[in-house]
Structure formats: structure tokens, C-alpha cells
Amino acid sequence: MISALIHNGADTLVLDLPTGLVDFQLKLLSVGIRQRPETIQLTDNENDDIQVKLFSNNKVGTHLVQVFEESDTLADANLTANMITSSNDPVKAELEQRIRDDRYNSPRELLRDIRISISEKMVRNTKSTR
């Protein structure tokens, strides 16, 4: 869905998101990063010890990357990508269309929408089984 280009000094890592938490931490350690993803902001400033740039090779991912700001973290990007990719097909298709239409201004808005969509689907399923 999306990838993160991570620089730590002379070391570079390309990390596909979403990724599992243990694998995530091990890959960060492989380039000397001991910080948790929750503390690594999405900044690409030359003066930062750790630089992170999100990118994608597909349309949905390219629009998704634009939702994030420098104040968001690598964990935010991973969680958001995970919630989208693990959604069931009807919810995922609707979310991907909204992402392509640039309807979200932050990952929090997108995550809220995912939770609402999943809740509505669960309510519909409960009603149809009665």
C-alpha cells in the first residue's frame, strides 16, 4: 500500500507498510534505530537524526501519503495502512474511493471513518441474522 524510506545516518531502510510490530522493530534495529515507531515522526529534514519519507507506487497509496503530516509518526502510518488493508472488501473499496477523492485531512479522520464503517457493517449483519 505505502512504503517508508527511512534514513538513520548513513543507513537506509525501505519498509513496506503495513508490517507486523515485531518485524517493524527488528527492521528499525537493523539500521540502528532503537526508538519505538510511536516516537519517530514523519520528517524528512536534513537536520533530523532519523528522516522518514512516505511514498507509494499506486494511486490509492499516493493519495494516502498526502493525509500524513510531519507531526504524525511511523506508527500512525503503519496503523492506518493496516486498518485499510485488513478491512473487508466492501469497506475497503469504499475507503479506497474516499482516499482517491482526497476526502481526508488527517489519519485520525480516516481511522474514525474506518471504525464507523465497520460498526455500521456489524449492525447490518446483526439485523440480517435475526
N, C-alpha and C. Protein backbone atom coordinates (compact mmCIF):
# COMPACT_ATOMS: atom_id res chain seq x y z
N MET A 1 0.83 -1.19 0.00
CA MET A 1 0.00 0.00 0.00
C MET A 1 0.87 1.25 0.00
N ILE A 2 1.66 1.44 1.09
CA ILE A 2 2.61 2.54 1.13
C ILE A 2 3.93 2.00 1.65
N SER A 3 4.97 2.76 1.43
CA SER A 3 6.30 2.40 1.92
C SER A 3 6.91 3.60 2.61
N ALA A 4 7.87 3.31 3.48
CA ALA A 4 8.59 4.37 4.18
C ALA A 4 10.07 4.24 3.84
N LEU A 5 10.65 5.33 3.39
CA LEU A 5 12.09 5.41 3.16
C LEU A 5 12.67 6.05 4.42
N ILE A 6 13.47 5.28 5.15
CA ILE A 6 13.96 5.71 6.45
C ILE A 6 15.49 5.81 6.41
N HIS A 7 16.00 6.99 6.77
CA HIS A 7 17.44 7.21 6.85
C HIS A 7 17.82 7.43 8.30
N ASN A 8 18.84 6.72 8.72
CA ASN A 8 19.43 6.92 10.04
C ASN A 8 20.93 7.04 9.84
N GLY A 9 21.41 8.27 9.75
CA GLY A 9 22.82 8.48 9.43
C GLY A 9 23.09 7.96 8.03
N ALA A 10 24.07 7.07 7.91
CA ALA A 10 24.43 6.50 6.60
C ALA A 10 23.58 5.28 6.24
N ASP A 11 22.76 4.81 7.17
CA ASP A 11 21.94 3.62 6.93
C ASP A 11 20.58 3.99 6.37
N THR A 12 20.09 3.16 5.45
CA THR A 12 18.80 3.39 4.81
C THR A 12 17.98 2.11 4.84
N LEU A 13 16.68 2.28 5.05
CA LEU A 13 15.74 1.16 5.08
C LEU A 13 14.52 1.55 4.28
N VAL A 14 14.06 0.64 3.42
CA VAL A 14 12.77 0.80 2.76
C VAL A 14 11.84 -0.21 3.41
N LEU A 15 10.78 0.30 4.03
CA LEU A 15 9.88 -0.53 4.82
C LEU A 15 8.48 -0.47 4.22
N ASP A 16 7.96 -1.62 3.79
CA ASP A 16 6.60 -1.68 3.27
C ASP A 16 5.63 -1.69 4.45
N LEU A 17 4.60 -0.85 4.33
CA LEU A 17 3.58 -0.75 5.38
C LEU A 17 2.24 -1.23 4.83
N PRO A 18 1.47 -1.94 5.59
CA PRO A 18 1.69 -2.25 6.99
C PRO A 18 2.66 -3.41 7.17
N THR A 19 3.22 -3.47 8.36
CA THR A 19 4.08 -4.57 8.76
C THR A 19 3.80 -4.91 10.22
N GLY A 20 4.06 -6.15 10.58
CA GLY A 20 3.83 -6.59 11.97
C GLY A 20 4.74 -5.85 12.94
N LEU A 21 4.30 -5.71 14.17
CA LEU A 21 5.03 -4.91 15.15
C LEU A 21 6.42 -5.44 15.47
N VAL A 22 6.57 -6.74 15.61
CA VAL A 22 7.89 -7.31 15.92
C VAL A 22 8.82 -7.13 14.74
N ASP A 23 8.35 -7.45 13.54
CA ASP A 23 9.15 -7.28 12.32
C ASP A 23 9.52 -5.81 12.13
N PHE A 24 8.58 -4.94 12.43
CA PHE A 24 8.77 -3.49 12.35
C PHE A 24 9.97 -3.08 13.20
N GLN A 25 9.95 -3.47 14.46
CA GLN A 25 11.01 -3.08 15.38
C GLN A 25 12.34 -3.69 14.97
N LEU A 26 12.34 -4.95 14.52
CA LEU A 26 13.59 -5.60 14.10
C LEU A 26 14.20 -4.90 12.89
N LYS A 27 13.36 -4.50 11.95
CA LYS A 27 13.88 -3.80 10.78
C LYS A 27 14.46 -2.44 11.15
N LEU A 28 13.80 -1.74 12.08
CA LEU A 28 14.35 -0.47 12.55
C LEU A 28 15.71 -0.69 13.23
N LEU A 29 15.80 -1.74 14.04
CA LEU A 29 17.07 -2.06 14.70
C LEU A 29 18.17 -2.37 13.69
N SER A 30 17.79 -2.94 12.54
CA SER A 30 18.79 -3.30 11.52
C SER A 30 19.52 -2.09 10.96
N VAL A 31 18.93 -0.90 11.11
CA VAL A 31 19.60 0.33 10.67
C VAL A 31 19.95 1.22 11.87
N GLY A 32 20.03 0.59 13.05
CA GLY A 32 20.50 1.29 14.24
C GLY A 32 19.48 2.16 14.95
N ILE A 33 18.20 1.99 14.63
CA ILE A 33 17.16 2.80 15.27
C ILE A 33 16.60 2.02 16.46
N ARG A 34 16.76 2.57 17.64
CA ARG A 34 16.29 1.92 18.86
C ARG A 34 14.99 2.54 19.37
N GLN A 35 14.53 3.57 18.71
CA GLN A 35 13.28 4.22 19.11
C GLN A 35 12.09 3.39 18.67
N ARG A 36 11.02 3.54 19.41
CA ARG A 36 9.76 2.89 19.03
C ARG A 36 9.12 3.68 17.89
N PRO A 37 8.39 3.02 17.01
CA PRO A 37 7.74 3.71 15.89
C PRO A 37 6.82 4.85 16.31
N GLU A 38 6.28 4.77 17.54
CA GLU A 38 5.39 5.81 18.05
C GLU A 38 6.11 7.13 18.28
N THR A 39 7.44 7.09 18.34
CA THR A 39 8.21 8.30 18.62
C THR A 39 8.93 8.84 17.39
N ILE A 40 8.81 8.15 16.27
CA ILE A 40 9.52 8.56 15.05
C ILE A 40 8.57 9.34 14.16
N GLN A 41 8.80 10.64 14.08
CA GLN A 41 7.92 11.48 13.26
C GLN A 41 8.26 11.37 11.78
N LEU A 42 7.27 11.70 10.96
CA LEU A 42 7.41 11.59 9.51
C LEU A 42 8.05 12.86 8.95
N THR A 43 9.30 13.08 9.34
CA THR A 43 10.01 14.27 8.87
C THR A 43 11.15 13.86 7.94
N ASP A 44 11.40 14.70 6.99
CA ASP A 44 12.46 14.45 6.01
C ASP A 44 13.43 15.62 5.99
N ASN A 45 13.64 16.22 7.16
CA ASN A 45 14.54 17.37 7.27
C ASN A 45 15.98 16.89 7.42
N GLU A 46 16.90 17.53 6.74
CA GLU A 46 18.31 17.13 6.78
C GLU A 46 18.89 17.15 8.18
N ASN A 47 18.39 18.02 9.04
CA ASN A 47 18.94 18.15 10.39
C ASN A 47 18.43 17.09 11.36
N ASP A 48 17.43 16.32 10.98
CA ASP A 48 16.88 15.29 11.86
C ASP A 48 17.79 14.07 11.89
N ASP A 49 17.92 13.45 13.06
CA ASP A 49 18.73 12.22 13.16
C ASP A 49 18.12 11.11 12.32
N ILE A 50 16.80 10.99 12.39
CA ILE A 50 16.08 9.98 11.62
C ILE A 50 15.16 10.71 10.64
N GLN A 51 15.29 10.38 9.38
CA GLN A 51 14.45 11.01 8.35
C GLN A 51 13.53 9.95 7.75
N VAL A 52 12.26 10.30 7.61
CA VAL A 52 11.26 9.36 7.09
C VAL A 52 10.47 10.04 5.98
N LYS A 53 10.39 9.37 4.85
CA LYS A 53 9.58 9.87 3.74
C LYS A 53 8.66 8.74 3.29
N LEU A 54 7.36 9.00 3.26
CA LEU A 54 6.39 8.01 2.79
C LEU A 54 6.24 8.15 1.29
N PHE A 55 6.02 7.02 0.62
CA PHE A 55 5.77 7.03 -0.82
C PHE A 55 4.95 5.82 -1.20
N SER A 56 4.45 5.82 -2.43
CA SER A 56 3.67 4.69 -2.93
C SER A 56 3.78 4.63 -4.44
N ASN A 57 3.59 3.44 -4.97
CA ASN A 57 3.60 3.24 -6.41
C ASN A 57 2.20 3.01 -6.98
N ASN A 58 1.17 3.24 -6.16
CA ASN A 58 -0.20 3.08 -6.67
C ASN A 58 -1.02 4.31 -6.31
N LYS A 59 -2.14 4.46 -6.99
CA LYS A 59 -2.94 5.68 -6.86
C LYS A 59 -3.50 5.87 -5.44
N VAL A 60 -4.06 4.82 -4.87
CA VAL A 60 -4.62 4.94 -3.51
C VAL A 60 -3.52 5.30 -2.53
N GLY A 61 -2.39 4.62 -2.61
CA GLY A 61 -1.28 4.89 -1.70
C GLY A 61 -0.73 6.30 -1.85
N THR A 62 -0.65 6.78 -3.08
CA THR A 62 -0.16 8.14 -3.33
C THR A 62 -1.07 9.17 -2.66
N HIS A 63 -2.38 8.96 -2.75
CA HIS A 63 -3.32 9.87 -2.09
C HIS A 63 -3.26 9.69 -0.57
N LEU A 64 -3.08 8.46 -0.10
CA LEU A 64 -3.00 8.20 1.33
C LEU A 64 -1.80 8.91 1.96
N VAL A 65 -0.67 8.89 1.29
CA VAL A 65 0.54 9.54 1.79
C VAL A 65 0.29 11.02 2.07
N GLN A 66 -0.55 11.66 1.28
CA GLN A 66 -0.83 13.08 1.43
C GLN A 66 -1.63 13.40 2.69
N VAL A 67 -2.23 12.39 3.31
CA VAL A 67 -3.02 12.58 4.52
C VAL A 67 -2.12 12.85 5.73
N PHE A 68 -0.89 12.37 5.68
CA PHE A 68 0.02 12.47 6.82
C PHE A 68 0.79 13.79 6.83
N GLU A 69 1.07 14.24 8.06
CA GLU A 69 1.86 15.46 8.27
C GLU A 69 3.12 15.09 9.03
N GLU A 70 4.05 16.02 9.12
CA GLU A 70 5.30 15.77 9.83
C GLU A 70 5.09 15.45 11.30
N SER A 71 4.00 15.90 11.87
CA SER A 71 3.74 15.63 13.29
C SER A 71 3.22 14.20 13.52
N ASP A 72 2.81 13.52 12.45
CA ASP A 72 2.38 12.12 12.57
C ASP A 72 3.60 11.23 12.69
N THR A 73 3.38 10.00 13.15
CA THR A 73 4.50 9.10 13.40
C THR A 73 4.48 7.91 12.46
N LEU A 74 5.58 7.19 12.47
CA LEU A 74 5.69 5.96 11.69
C LEU A 74 4.64 4.95 12.14
N ALA A 75 4.34 4.93 13.43
CA ALA A 75 3.29 4.04 13.96
C ALA A 75 1.92 4.44 13.43
N ASP A 76 1.66 5.75 13.30
CA ASP A 76 0.39 6.22 12.74
C ASP A 76 0.22 5.71 11.31
N ALA A 77 1.28 5.82 10.52
CA ALA A 77 1.24 5.37 9.13
C ALA A 77 1.01 3.86 9.05
N ASN A 78 1.69 3.11 9.91
CA ASN A 78 1.53 1.65 9.91
C ASN A 78 0.13 1.23 10.33
N LEU A 79 -0.38 1.85 11.39
CA LEU A 79 -1.73 1.53 11.86
C LEU A 79 -2.77 1.85 10.79
N THR A 80 -2.66 3.00 10.18
CA THR A 80 -3.63 3.41 9.16
C THR A 80 -3.59 2.45 7.97
N ALA A 81 -2.40 2.13 7.49
CA ALA A 81 -2.27 1.18 6.37
C ALA A 81 -2.83 -0.19 6.75
N ASN A 82 -2.58 -0.62 7.99
CA ASN A 82 -3.08 -1.91 8.45
C ASN A 82 -4.61 -1.93 8.51
N MET A 83 -5.20 -0.87 9.03
CA MET A 83 -6.67 -0.81 9.14
C MET A 83 -7.32 -0.85 7.76
N ILE A 84 -6.71 -0.21 6.78
CA ILE A 84 -7.28 -0.21 5.43
C ILE A 84 -7.14 -1.59 4.80
N THR A 85 -5.93 -2.15 4.84
CA THR A 85 -5.71 -3.43 4.16
C THR A 85 -6.44 -4.59 4.83
N SER A 86 -6.71 -4.48 6.13
CA SER A 86 -7.40 -5.58 6.81
C SER A 86 -8.92 -5.42 6.82
N SER A 87 -9.42 -4.33 6.28
CA SER A 87 -10.88 -4.15 6.19
C SER A 87 -11.46 -5.14 5.19
N ASN A 88 -12.72 -5.52 5.40
CA ASN A 88 -13.34 -6.43 4.44
C ASN A 88 -13.56 -5.70 3.11
N ASP A 89 -13.75 -6.45 2.05
CA ASP A 89 -13.74 -5.89 0.70
C ASP A 89 -14.71 -4.73 0.47
N PRO A 90 -15.98 -4.82 0.89
CA PRO A 90 -16.86 -3.67 0.64
C PRO A 90 -16.41 -2.40 1.37
N VAL A 91 -15.96 -2.54 2.61
CA VAL A 91 -15.49 -1.39 3.38
C VAL A 91 -14.20 -0.86 2.75
N LYS A 92 -13.30 -1.76 2.38
CA LYS A 92 -12.03 -1.36 1.78
C LYS A 92 -12.26 -0.60 0.47
N ALA A 93 -13.16 -1.10 -0.37
CA ALA A 93 -13.43 -0.43 -1.65
C ALA A 93 -13.96 0.99 -1.43
N GLU A 94 -14.84 1.13 -0.46
CA GLU A 94 -15.41 2.46 -0.15
C GLU A 94 -14.33 3.40 0.39
N LEU A 95 -13.48 2.89 1.29
CA LEU A 95 -12.40 3.70 1.85
C LEU A 95 -11.41 4.12 0.78
N GLU A 96 -11.03 3.17 -0.09
CA GLU A 96 -10.08 3.49 -1.14
C GLU A 96 -10.62 4.56 -2.08
N GLN A 97 -11.91 4.52 -2.36
CA GLN A 97 -12.50 5.55 -3.21
C GLN A 97 -12.45 6.91 -2.51
N ARG A 98 -12.75 6.93 -1.23
CA ARG A 98 -12.70 8.19 -0.47
C ARG A 98 -11.27 8.73 -0.40
N ILE A 99 -10.31 7.84 -0.28
CA ILE A 99 -8.90 8.26 -0.25
C ILE A 99 -8.52 8.87 -1.61
N ARG A 100 -8.91 8.19 -2.70
CA ARG A 100 -8.62 8.73 -4.05
C ARG A 100 -9.28 10.08 -4.27
N ASP A 101 -10.44 10.29 -3.63
CA ASP A 101 -11.16 11.56 -3.75
C ASP A 101 -10.64 12.63 -2.79
N ASP A 102 -9.57 12.32 -2.05
CA ASP A 102 -8.95 13.25 -1.10
C ASP A 102 -9.93 13.80 -0.08
N ARG A 103 -10.73 12.91 0.51
CA ARG A 103 -11.72 13.34 1.50
C ARG A 103 -11.18 13.44 2.92
N TYR A 104 -9.94 13.04 3.12
CA TYR A 104 -9.39 13.03 4.48
C TYR A 104 -8.27 14.05 4.63
N ASN A 105 -8.28 14.73 5.78
CA ASN A 105 -7.24 15.71 6.08
C ASN A 105 -6.24 15.21 7.11
N SER A 106 -6.52 14.07 7.72
CA SER A 106 -5.61 13.52 8.72
C SER A 106 -5.86 12.02 8.85
N PRO A 107 -4.87 11.29 9.36
CA PRO A 107 -5.09 9.86 9.58
C PRO A 107 -6.19 9.61 10.61
N ARG A 108 -6.36 10.53 11.57
CA ARG A 108 -7.41 10.36 12.57
C ARG A 108 -8.79 10.36 11.92
N GLU A 109 -9.00 11.24 10.95
CA GLU A 109 -10.28 11.27 10.23
C GLU A 109 -10.52 9.94 9.52
N LEU A 110 -9.49 9.44 8.89
CA LEU A 110 -9.59 8.18 8.16
C LEU A 110 -9.87 7.02 9.11
N LEU A 111 -9.16 6.96 10.23
CA LEU A 111 -9.39 5.88 11.20
C LEU A 111 -10.79 5.96 11.79
N ARG A 112 -11.28 7.18 12.03
CA ARG A 112 -12.65 7.34 12.54
C ARG A 112 -13.64 6.78 11.52
N ASP A 113 -13.43 7.08 10.25
CA ASP A 113 -14.31 6.59 9.20
C ASP A 113 -14.27 5.06 9.09
N ILE A 114 -13.10 4.49 9.27
CA ILE A 114 -12.97 3.03 9.23
C ILE A 114 -13.79 2.42 10.36
N ARG A 115 -13.64 2.97 11.55
CA ARG A 115 -14.39 2.44 12.71
C ARG A 115 -15.89 2.55 12.49
N ILE A 116 -16.33 3.68 11.96
CA ILE A 116 -17.76 3.87 11.69
C ILE A 116 -18.24 2.87 10.64
N SER A 117 -17.48 2.70 9.57
CA SER A 117 -17.86 1.77 8.50
C SER A 117 -17.95 0.34 9.02
N ILE A 118 -16.99 -0.05 9.84
CA ILE A 118 -17.00 -1.41 10.40
C ILE A 118 -18.19 -1.58 11.34
N SER A 119 -18.45 -0.58 12.18
CA SER A 119 -19.59 -0.65 13.11
C SER A 119 -20.91 -0.75 12.36
N GLU A 120 -21.06 0.05 11.32
CA GLU A 120 -22.30 0.01 10.53
C GLU A 120 -22.47 -1.36 9.88
N LYS A 121 -21.39 -1.93 9.38
CA LYS A 121 -21.45 -3.25 8.75
C LYS A 121 -21.84 -4.30 9.78
N MET A 122 -21.30 -4.19 11.00
CA MET A 122 -21.64 -5.16 12.04
C MET A 122 -23.11 -5.05 12.42
N VAL A 123 -23.64 -3.83 12.49
CA VAL A 123 -25.05 -3.62 12.82
C VAL A 123 -25.93 -4.23 11.73
N ARG A 124 -25.56 -3.98 10.47
CA ARG A 124 -26.35 -4.56 9.35
C ARG A 124 -26.33 -6.07 9.39
N ASN A 125 -25.16 -6.66 9.68
CA ASN A 125 -25.04 -8.11 9.74
C ASN A 125 -25.86 -8.68 10.89
N THR A 126 -25.89 -7.99 12.02
CA THR A 126 -26.65 -8.44 13.17
C THR A 126 -28.14 -8.41 12.85
N LYS A 127 -28.60 -7.36 12.19
CA LYS A 127 -30.01 -7.25 11.84
C LYS A 127 -30.42 -8.31 10.82
N SER A 128 -29.52 -8.65 9.91
CA SER A 128 -29.88 -9.62 8.87
C SER A 128 -29.89 -11.05 9.39
N THR A 129 -29.28 -11.32 10.54
CA THR A 129 -29.28 -12.66 11.10
C THR A 129 -30.42 -12.90 12.08
N ARG A 130 -31.22 -11.88 12.31
CA ARG A 130 -32.33 -12.03 13.25
C ARG A 130 -33.52 -12.66 12.60
